[in-house]
C-alpha atoms as a PDB file:
ATOM      1  CA  UNK A   1      -3.211 -33.684  64.864  1.00  0.00           C
ATOM      2  CA  UNK A   2      -5.227 -30.562  64.203  1.00  0.00           C
ATOM      3  CA  UNK A   3      -8.431 -30.249  66.281  1.00  0.00           C
ATOM      4  CA  UNK A   4     -11.429 -28.786  64.413  1.00  0.00           C
ATOM      5  CA  UNK A   5     -14.895 -27.932  65.688  1.00  0.00           C
ATOM      6  CA  UNK A   6     -18.114 -27.491  63.735  1.00  0.00           C
ATOM      7  CA  UNK A   7     -21.431 -26.797  65.476  1.00  0.00           C
ATOM      8  CA  UNK A   8     -24.346 -27.740  63.226  1.00  0.00           C
ATOM      9  CA  UNK A   9     -27.004 -26.194  65.460  1.00  0.00           C
ATOM     10  CA  UNK A  10     -27.111 -22.947  63.473  1.00  0.00           C
ATOM     11  CA  UNK A  11     -26.636 -24.367  59.978  1.00  0.00           C
ATOM     12  CA  UNK A  12     -29.960 -24.122  58.131  1.00  0.00           C
ATOM     13  CA  UNK A  13     -28.964 -23.972  54.462  1.00  0.00           C
ATOM     14  CA  UNK A  14     -26.497 -25.658  52.134  1.00  0.00           C
ATOM     15  CA  UNK A  15     -24.716 -22.345  51.682  1.00  0.00           C
ATOM     16  CA  UNK A  16     -24.279 -21.962  55.449  1.00  0.00           C
ATOM     17  CA  UNK A  17     -22.916 -25.505  55.683  1.00  0.00           C
ATOM     18  CA  UNK A  18     -20.353 -24.971  52.943  1.00  0.00           C
ATOM     19  CA  UNK A  19     -19.379 -21.556  54.345  1.00  0.00           C
ATOM     20  CA  UNK A  20     -18.766 -23.178  57.735  1.00  0.00           C
ATOM     21  CA  UNK A  21     -16.831 -26.096  56.220  1.00  0.00           C
ATOM     22  CA  UNK A  22     -14.655 -23.681  54.232  1.00  0.00           C
ATOM     23  CA  UNK A  23     -13.910 -21.679  57.363  1.00  0.00           C
ATOM     24  CA  UNK A  24     -13.240 -24.668  59.643  1.00  0.00           C
ATOM     25  CA  UNK A  25     -11.105 -26.648  57.208  1.00  0.00           C
ATOM     26  CA  UNK A  26      -9.473 -23.672  55.501  1.00  0.00           C
ATOM     27  CA  UNK A  27     -10.566 -24.860  52.062  1.00  0.00           C
ATOM     28  CA  UNK A  28      -9.262 -22.943  49.041  1.00  0.00           C
ATOM     29  CA  UNK A  29     -11.358 -20.293  47.311  1.00  0.00           C
ATOM     30  CA  UNK A  30     -12.045 -22.637  44.401  1.00  0.00           C
ATOM     31  CA  UNK A  31     -13.687 -25.285  46.648  1.00  0.00           C
ATOM     32  CA  UNK A  32     -16.667 -26.550  44.640  1.00  0.00           C
ATOM     33  CA  UNK A  33     -19.136 -26.209  47.559  1.00  0.00           C
ATOM     34  CA  UNK A  34     -20.778 -29.567  46.900  1.00  0.00           C
ATOM     35  CA  UNK A  35     -20.578 -33.034  48.426  1.00  0.00           C
ATOM     36  CA  UNK A  36     -18.302 -34.471  45.730  1.00  0.00           C
ATOM     37  CA  UNK A  37     -15.778 -31.667  46.192  1.00  0.00           C
ATOM     38  CA  UNK A  38     -16.007 -32.055  49.983  1.00  0.00           C
ATOM     39  CA  UNK A  39     -15.265 -35.771  49.752  1.00  0.00           C
ATOM     40  CA  UNK A  40     -12.320 -35.171  47.433  1.00  0.00           C
ATOM     41  CA  UNK A  41     -10.768 -32.606  49.782  1.00  0.00           C
ATOM     42  CA  UNK A  42     -11.327 -34.641  52.941  1.00  0.00           C
ATOM     43  CA  UNK A  43      -9.898 -37.869  51.569  1.00  0.00           C
ATOM     44  CA  UNK A  44      -6.648 -35.986  50.957  1.00  0.00           C
ATOM     45  CA  UNK A  45      -6.818 -33.800  54.097  1.00  0.00           C
ATOM     46  CA  UNK A  46      -3.809 -33.810  56.470  1.00  0.00           C
ATOM     47  CA  UNK A  47      -4.120 -35.126  60.017  1.00  0.00           C
ATOM     48  CA  UNK A  48      -7.169 -33.618  61.691  1.00  0.00           C
ATOM     49  CA  UNK A  49      -9.984 -34.547  64.045  1.00  0.00           C
ATOM     50  CA  UNK A  50     -13.362 -32.906  63.394  1.00  0.00           C
ATOM     51  CA  UNK A  51     -15.788 -32.718  66.285  1.00  0.00           C
ATOM     52  CA  UNK A  52     -19.247 -32.185  64.843  1.00  0.00           C
ATOM     53  CA  UNK A  53     -21.589 -30.906  67.529  1.00  0.00           C
ATOM     54  CA  UNK A  54     -25.349 -31.275  67.161  1.00  0.00           C
ATOM     55  CA  UNK A  55     -24.851 -33.545  64.141  1.00  0.00           C
ATOM     56  CA  UNK A  56     -28.532 -34.545  64.177  1.00  0.00           C
ATOM     57  CA  UNK A  57     -29.460 -30.933  63.444  1.00  0.00           C
ATOM     58  CA  UNK A  58     -28.057 -31.326  59.937  1.00  0.00           C
ATOM     59  CA  UNK A  59     -30.837 -33.798  59.186  1.00  0.00           C
ATOM     60  CA  UNK A  60     -33.446 -31.705  61.004  1.00  0.00           C
ATOM     61  CA  UNK A  61     -32.505 -28.548  59.093  1.00  0.00           C
ATOM     62  CA  UNK A  62     -31.437 -29.964  55.727  1.00  0.00           C
ATOM     63  CA  UNK A  63     -33.349 -33.238  55.415  1.00  0.00           C
ATOM     64  CA  UNK A  64     -31.881 -35.632  52.853  1.00  0.00           C
ATOM     65  CA  UNK A  65     -28.956 -33.303  52.116  1.00  0.00           C
ATOM     66  CA  UNK A  66     -28.023 -33.412  55.808  1.00  0.00           C
ATOM     67  CA  UNK A  67     -28.094 -37.224  55.731  1.00  0.00           C
ATOM     68  CA  UNK A  68     -25.897 -37.241  52.630  1.00  0.00           C
ATOM     69  CA  UNK A  69     -23.493 -34.776  54.227  1.00  0.00           C
ATOM     70  CA  UNK A  70     -23.103 -36.974  57.296  1.00  0.00           C
ATOM     71  CA  UNK A  71     -22.487 -39.978  55.042  1.00  0.00           C
ATOM     72  CA  UNK A  72     -19.827 -38.077  53.065  1.00  0.00           C
ATOM     73  CA  UNK A  73     -18.056 -37.068  56.279  1.00  0.00           C
ATOM     74  CA  UNK A  74     -18.128 -40.657  57.568  1.00  0.00           C
ATOM     75  CA  UNK A  75     -17.021 -42.107  54.218  1.00  0.00           C
ATOM     76  CA  UNK A  76     -14.133 -39.636  53.989  1.00  0.00           C
ATOM     77  CA  UNK A  77     -13.028 -40.545  57.510  1.00  0.00           C
ATOM     78  CA  UNK A  78     -13.141 -44.241  56.580  1.00  0.00           C
ATOM     79  CA  UNK A  79     -11.085 -43.595  53.434  1.00  0.00           C
ATOM     80  CA  UNK A  80      -8.522 -41.239  55.012  1.00  0.00           C
ATOM     81  CA  UNK A  81      -6.967 -42.568  58.234  1.00  0.00           C
ATOM     82  CA  UNK A  82      -5.594 -39.062  58.938  1.00  0.00           C
ATOM     83  CA  UNK A  83      -9.116 -37.598  59.121  1.00  0.00           C
ATOM     84  CA  UNK A  84     -11.124 -38.489  62.225  1.00  0.00           C
ATOM     85  CA  UNK A  85     -14.803 -37.622  62.623  1.00  0.00           C
ATOM     86  CA  UNK A  86     -16.419 -37.381  66.031  1.00  0.00           C
ATOM     87  CA  UNK A  87     -20.144 -36.633  65.811  1.00  0.00           C
ATOM     88  CA  UNK A  88     -22.001 -35.619  68.974  1.00  0.00           C
END
């Protein structure tokens, strides 16, 4: 299982979040950079465990979008048994 790490402490904008997600997951160049596209990619993602450090900072920095992002990550992990989310 691939181990991935994302630290949300320095993510202040949607663009920064999607840049970081693209880098960490190795998403293709045509990744839609929105929550629907993220969900679609993660529900089909091969075996990986994402450790999300400072998860609460997503809500602090991005408000409702941060809450939605956390929900998408959790929903994708529930849908795809090969994708594990560990939020700290």
